[in-house]
């Protein structure tokens, strides 16, 4: 078999950058919209440098469930252990899929977002990839997700078609 692709999130050795407004995005939106819908995770676990921010509720104590529910309602900047701010690196994993990677958060204030270009209010970017690379490679509209032209790994939204 081929060795793991260093730019593939599924191979577990990539870093993904999430550009968002940490003062308005909640952990719940990050989990539901970004991790589950965009990246296809089933049971994500989100770890900040000093604490666990979220785990699936299977086998958790009542106080842990209460804390993670409270975290989901909080904006990223207001999370425990100092919050998630610009350049915070989160460790994200899904043991049900053997899927883990680092998620680097880049803060851009909500006022600076172009709602036509980025209607979701966030953008995902792959490791060492710029938007210009996608256009040059003919990848077309990726709905805010920037991917490298590598045959080993392709992340596709449910709405997008593979051409």
C-alpha atoms as a PDB file:
ATOM      1  CA  UNK A   1       0.000   0.000   0.000  1.00  0.00           C
ATOM      2  CA  UNK A   2       0.970   3.612  -0.522  1.00  0.00           C
ATOM      3  CA  UNK A   3       2.269   5.557   2.491  1.00  0.00           C
ATOM      4  CA  UNK A   4      -0.068   8.116   4.107  1.00  0.00           C
ATOM      5  CA  UNK A   5      -0.427  11.318   2.125  1.00  0.00           C
ATOM      6  CA  UNK A   6       0.871  14.201   4.306  1.00  0.00           C
ATOM      7  CA  UNK A   7      -1.786  16.542   2.889  1.00  0.00           C
ATOM      8  CA  UNK A   8      -4.768  14.241   3.498  1.00  0.00           C
ATOM      9  CA  UNK A   9      -7.020  14.846   6.494  1.00  0.00           C
ATOM     10  CA  UNK A  10      -8.247  11.248   6.419  1.00  0.00           C
ATOM     11  CA  UNK A  11      -4.669   9.907   6.646  1.00  0.00           C
ATOM     12  CA  UNK A  12      -4.407  11.778   9.936  1.00  0.00           C
ATOM     13  CA  UNK A  13      -1.268  13.731   9.236  1.00  0.00           C
ATOM     14  CA  UNK A  14      -2.704  16.959   7.831  1.00  0.00           C
ATOM     15  CA  UNK A  15      -3.543  20.317   9.314  1.00  0.00           C
ATOM     16  CA  UNK A  16      -6.708  22.100   8.339  1.00  0.00           C
ATOM     17  CA  UNK A  17      -7.224  25.813   8.853  1.00  0.00           C
ATOM     18  CA  UNK A  18     -10.614  27.174   9.837  1.00  0.00           C
ATOM     19  CA  UNK A  19     -11.012  30.881   9.158  1.00  0.00           C
ATOM     20  CA  UNK A  20     -13.898  32.264  11.212  1.00  0.00           C
ATOM     21  CA  UNK A  21     -15.005  34.914  13.693  1.00  0.00           C
ATOM     22  CA  UNK A  22     -14.196  33.351  17.074  1.00  0.00           C
ATOM     23  CA  UNK A  23     -16.464  35.914  18.761  1.00  0.00           C
ATOM     24  CA  UNK A  24     -19.586  34.713  16.927  1.00  0.00           C
ATOM     25  CA  UNK A  25     -18.957  31.058  15.978  1.00  0.00           C
ATOM     26  CA  UNK A  26     -20.073  28.619  18.640  1.00  0.00           C
ATOM     27  CA  UNK A  27     -18.485  25.270  19.358  1.00  0.00           C
ATOM     28  CA  UNK A  28     -21.812  23.696  18.391  1.00  0.00           C
ATOM     29  CA  UNK A  29     -21.671  25.271  14.926  1.00  0.00           C
ATOM     30  CA  UNK A  30     -18.062  24.142  14.523  1.00  0.00           C
ATOM     31  CA  UNK A  31     -19.049  20.568  15.424  1.00  0.00           C
ATOM     32  CA  UNK A  32     -22.275  20.356  13.397  1.00  0.00           C
ATOM     33  CA  UNK A  33     -21.495  22.486  10.323  1.00  0.00           C
ATOM     34  CA  UNK A  34     -17.745  22.104   9.943  1.00  0.00           C
ATOM     35  CA  UNK A  35     -16.744  18.757  11.436  1.00  0.00           C
ATOM     36  CA  UNK A  36     -19.866  16.708  10.751  1.00  0.00           C
ATOM     37  CA  UNK A  37     -21.288  18.276   7.575  1.00  0.00           C
ATOM     38  CA  UNK A  38     -18.152  19.533   5.797  1.00  0.00           C
ATOM     39  CA  UNK A  39     -15.643  16.909   6.914  1.00  0.00           C
ATOM     40  CA  UNK A  40     -18.006  13.958   7.389  1.00  0.00           C
ATOM     41  CA  UNK A  41     -17.096  13.100  10.965  1.00  0.00           C
ATOM     42  CA  UNK A  42     -19.508  10.913  12.958  1.00  0.00           C
ATOM     43  CA  UNK A  43     -18.439  11.358  16.577  1.00  0.00           C
ATOM     44  CA  UNK A  44     -15.893  14.168  16.828  1.00  0.00           C
ATOM     45  CA  UNK A  45     -13.820  14.861  19.922  1.00  0.00           C
ATOM     46  CA  UNK A  46     -12.357  18.360  20.177  1.00  0.00           C
ATOM     47  CA  UNK A  47      -9.335  19.058  22.378  1.00  0.00           C
ATOM     48  CA  UNK A  48      -7.902  22.498  23.118  1.00  0.00           C
ATOM     49  CA  UNK A  49      -4.284  22.761  24.285  1.00  0.00           C
ATOM     50  CA  UNK A  50      -5.309  22.570  27.962  1.00  0.00           C
ATOM     51  CA  UNK A  51      -8.726  20.878  28.058  1.00  0.00           C
ATOM     52  CA  UNK A  52     -11.227  18.656  26.286  1.00  0.00           C
ATOM     53  CA  UNK A  53     -13.901  20.896  24.760  1.00  0.00           C
ATOM     54  CA  UNK A  54     -16.239  18.200  23.450  1.00  0.00           C
ATOM     55  CA  UNK A  55     -16.740  14.424  23.421  1.00  0.00           C
ATOM     56  CA  UNK A  56     -19.693  12.323  22.260  1.00  0.00           C
ATOM     57  CA  UNK A  57     -21.986  11.514  25.187  1.00  0.00           C
ATOM     58  CA  UNK A  58     -21.658   7.701  25.102  1.00  0.00           C
ATOM     59  CA  UNK A  59     -20.446   6.592  28.528  1.00  0.00           C
ATOM     60  CA  UNK A  60     -19.917  10.066  29.945  1.00  0.00           C
ATOM     61  CA  UNK A  61     -20.868  11.176  33.459  1.00  0.00           C
ATOM     62  CA  UNK A  62     -23.767  13.608  33.866  1.00  0.00           C
ATOM     63  CA  UNK A  63     -21.422  16.464  34.821  1.00  0.00           C
ATOM     64  CA  UNK A  64     -19.330  15.876  31.669  1.00  0.00           C
ATOM     65  CA  UNK A  65     -22.450  15.877  29.478  1.00  0.00           C
ATOM     66  CA  UNK A  66     -23.574  19.105  31.146  1.00  0.00           C
ATOM     67  CA  UNK A  67     -20.175  20.742  30.582  1.00  0.00           C
ATOM     68  CA  UNK A  68     -19.979  19.725  26.890  1.00  0.00           C
ATOM     69  CA  UNK A  69     -23.564  20.914  26.307  1.00  0.00           C
ATOM     70  CA  UNK A  70     -22.634  24.263  27.866  1.00  0.00           C
ATOM     71  CA  UNK A  71     -19.472  24.393  25.712  1.00  0.00           C
ATOM     72  CA  UNK A  72     -21.508  23.818  22.526  1.00  0.00           C
ATOM     73  CA  UNK A  73     -23.615  26.893  23.281  1.00  0.00           C
ATOM     74  CA  UNK A  74     -20.519  29.064  23.914  1.00  0.00           C
ATOM     75  CA  UNK A  75     -18.688  31.106  21.327  1.00  0.00           C
ATOM     76  CA  UNK A  76     -15.163  29.884  20.634  1.00  0.00           C
ATOM     77  CA  UNK A  77     -13.548  32.830  22.422  1.00  0.00           C
ATOM     78  CA  UNK A  78     -15.603  32.137  25.593  1.00  0.00           C
ATOM     79  CA  UNK A  79     -14.740  28.447  25.954  1.00  0.00           C
ATOM     80  CA  UNK A  80     -12.918  27.140  29.072  1.00  0.00           C
ATOM     81  CA  UNK A  81      -9.147  27.403  29.575  1.00  0.00           C
ATOM     82  CA  UNK A  82      -8.869  30.828  27.962  1.00  0.00           C
ATOM     83  CA  UNK A  83     -11.059  30.141  24.942  1.00  0.00           C
ATOM     84  CA  UNK A  84     -10.157  29.525  21.321  1.00  0.00           C
ATOM     85  CA  UNK A  85      -8.470  32.529  19.737  1.00  0.00           C
ATOM     86  CA  UNK A  86      -6.477  33.408  16.629  1.00  0.00           C
ATOM     87  CA  UNK A  87      -3.807  30.743  15.940  1.00  0.00           C
ATOM     88  CA  UNK A  88      -5.184  28.267  18.482  1.00  0.00           C
ATOM     89  CA  UNK A  89      -4.578  24.699  17.351  1.00  0.00           C
ATOM     90  CA  UNK A  90      -7.269  22.190  18.248  1.00  0.00           C
ATOM     91  CA  UNK A  91      -6.760  18.447  18.072  1.00  0.00           C
ATOM     92  CA  UNK A  92      -9.796  16.845  16.475  1.00  0.00           C
ATOM     93  CA  UNK A  93     -10.431  13.125  16.343  1.00  0.00           C
ATOM     94  CA  UNK A  94     -13.151  10.620  15.589  1.00  0.00           C
ATOM     95  CA  UNK A  95     -12.214   7.220  16.972  1.00  0.00           C
ATOM     96  CA  UNK A  96     -15.205   5.595  15.244  1.00  0.00           C
ATOM     97  CA  UNK A  97     -13.530   6.426  11.927  1.00  0.00           C
ATOM     98  CA  UNK A  98      -9.846   6.343  12.930  1.00  0.00           C
ATOM     99  CA  UNK A  99      -9.755   9.987  11.849  1.00  0.00           C
ATOM    100  CA  UNK A 100      -7.680  12.704  13.531  1.00  0.00           C
ATOM    101  CA  UNK A 101      -6.020  15.966  12.531  1.00  0.00           C
ATOM    102  CA  UNK A 102      -5.086  19.422  13.794  1.00  0.00           C
ATOM    103  CA  UNK A 103      -7.505  22.292  13.219  1.00  0.00           C
ATOM    104  CA  UNK A 104      -5.816  25.696  13.252  1.00  0.00           C
ATOM    105  CA  UNK A 105      -8.192  28.567  13.988  1.00  0.00           C
ATOM    106  CA  UNK A 106      -7.648  31.906  12.218  1.00  0.00           C
ATOM    107  CA  UNK A 107      -9.808  34.770  13.467  1.00  0.00           C
ATOM    108  CA  UNK A 108     -11.363  37.193  10.991  1.00  0.00           C
ATOM    109  CA  UNK A 109     -13.950  39.599  12.436  1.00  0.00           C
ATOM    110  CA  UNK A 110     -17.512  39.081  11.171  1.00  0.00           C
ATOM    111  CA  UNK A 111     -17.560  42.608   9.705  1.00  0.00           C
ATOM    112  CA  UNK A 112     -14.751  41.635   7.295  1.00  0.00           C
ATOM    113  CA  UNK A 113     -16.631  38.668   5.776  1.00  0.00           C
ATOM    114  CA  UNK A 114     -18.156  39.014   2.320  1.00  0.00           C
ATOM    115  CA  UNK A 115     -21.529  37.286   2.660  1.00  0.00           C
ATOM    116  CA  UNK A 116     -21.683  36.588  -1.089  1.00  0.00           C
ATOM    117  CA  UNK A 117     -18.278  34.905  -1.209  1.00  0.00           C
ATOM    118  CA  UNK A 118     -18.501  33.195   2.193  1.00  0.00           C
ATOM    119  CA  UNK A 119     -22.198  32.845   3.092  1.00  0.00           C
ATOM    120  CA  UNK A 120     -21.405  30.378   5.899  1.00  0.00           C
ATOM    121  CA  UNK A 121     -19.225  32.921   7.703  1.00  0.00           C
ATOM    122  CA  UNK A 122     -16.242  30.563   7.714  1.00  0.00           C
ATOM    123  CA  UNK A 123     -13.822  28.909   5.320  1.00  0.00           C
ATOM    124  CA  UNK A 124     -11.781  25.717   5.474  1.00  0.00           C
ATOM    125  CA  UNK A 125      -8.325  25.599   3.991  1.00  0.00           C
ATOM    126  CA  UNK A 126      -6.059  22.599   3.528  1.00  0.00           C
ATOM    127  CA  UNK A 127      -2.425  22.284   4.524  1.00  0.00           C
ATOM    128  CA  UNK A 128      -0.045  24.528   2.510  1.00  0.00           C
ATOM    129  CA  UNK A 129      -2.712  25.445  -0.027  1.00  0.00           C
ATOM    130  CA  UNK A 130      -3.813  28.889  -1.165  1.00  0.00           C
ATOM    131  CA  UNK A 131      -6.976  29.811  -3.054  1.00  0.00           C
ATOM    132  CA  UNK A 132      -4.882  30.703  -6.110  1.00  0.00           C
ATOM    133  CA  UNK A 133      -3.632  27.093  -6.311  1.00  0.00           C
ATOM    134  CA  UNK A 134      -7.188  25.777  -6.596  1.00  0.00           C
ATOM    135  CA  UNK A 135      -8.050  28.160  -9.435  1.00  0.00           C
ATOM    136  CA  UNK A 136      -4.812  27.351 -11.289  1.00  0.00           C
ATOM    137  CA  UNK A 137      -5.468  23.613 -10.974  1.00  0.00           C
ATOM    138  CA  UNK A 138      -8.999  24.017 -12.317  1.00  0.00           C
ATOM    139  CA  UNK A 139     -10.683  22.738  -9.188  1.00  0.00           C
ATOM    140  CA  UNK A 140     -13.448  25.317  -9.605  1.00  0.00           C
ATOM    141  CA  UNK A 141     -15.890  26.388  -6.917  1.00  0.00           C
ATOM    142  CA  UNK A 142     -15.272  24.507  -3.706  1.00  0.00           C
ATOM    143  CA  UNK A 143     -17.825  26.402  -1.606  1.00  0.00           C
ATOM    144  CA  UNK A 144     -15.152  27.814   0.694  1.00  0.00           C
ATOM    145  CA  UNK A 145     -13.181  24.576   1.006  1.00  0.00           C
ATOM    146  CA  UNK A 146      -9.732  24.738  -0.510  1.00  0.00           C
ATOM    147  CA  UNK A 147      -8.191  21.421  -1.426  1.00  0.00           C
ATOM    148  CA  UNK A 148      -4.888  20.459  -2.953  1.00  0.00           C
ATOM    149  CA  UNK A 149      -4.849  18.679  -6.310  1.00  0.00           C
ATOM    150  CA  UNK A 150      -3.904  15.287  -4.901  1.00  0.00           C
ATOM    151  CA  UNK A 151      -5.548  12.099  -6.146  1.00  0.00           C
ATOM    152  CA  UNK A 152      -5.187  10.307  -2.803  1.00  0.00           C
ATOM    153  CA  UNK A 153      -7.643  12.462  -0.872  1.00  0.00           C
ATOM    154  CA  UNK A 154     -10.662  14.518  -1.917  1.00  0.00           C
ATOM    155  CA  UNK A 155     -13.218  16.121   0.382  1.00  0.00           C
ATOM    156  CA  UNK A 156     -16.522  16.753  -1.373  1.00  0.00           C
ATOM    157  CA  UNK A 157     -19.659  18.390   0.012  1.00  0.00           C
ATOM    158  CA  UNK A 158     -22.914  16.471  -0.402  1.00  0.00           C
ATOM    159  CA  UNK A 159     -24.149  19.255  -2.704  1.00  0.00           C
ATOM    160  CA  UNK A 160     -21.040  19.200  -4.915  1.00  0.00           C
ATOM    161  CA  UNK A 161     -20.523  16.799  -7.769  1.00  0.00           C
ATOM    162  CA  UNK A 162     -17.206  15.186  -8.605  1.00  0.00           C
ATOM    163  CA  UNK A 163     -16.391  16.099 -12.206  1.00  0.00           C
END
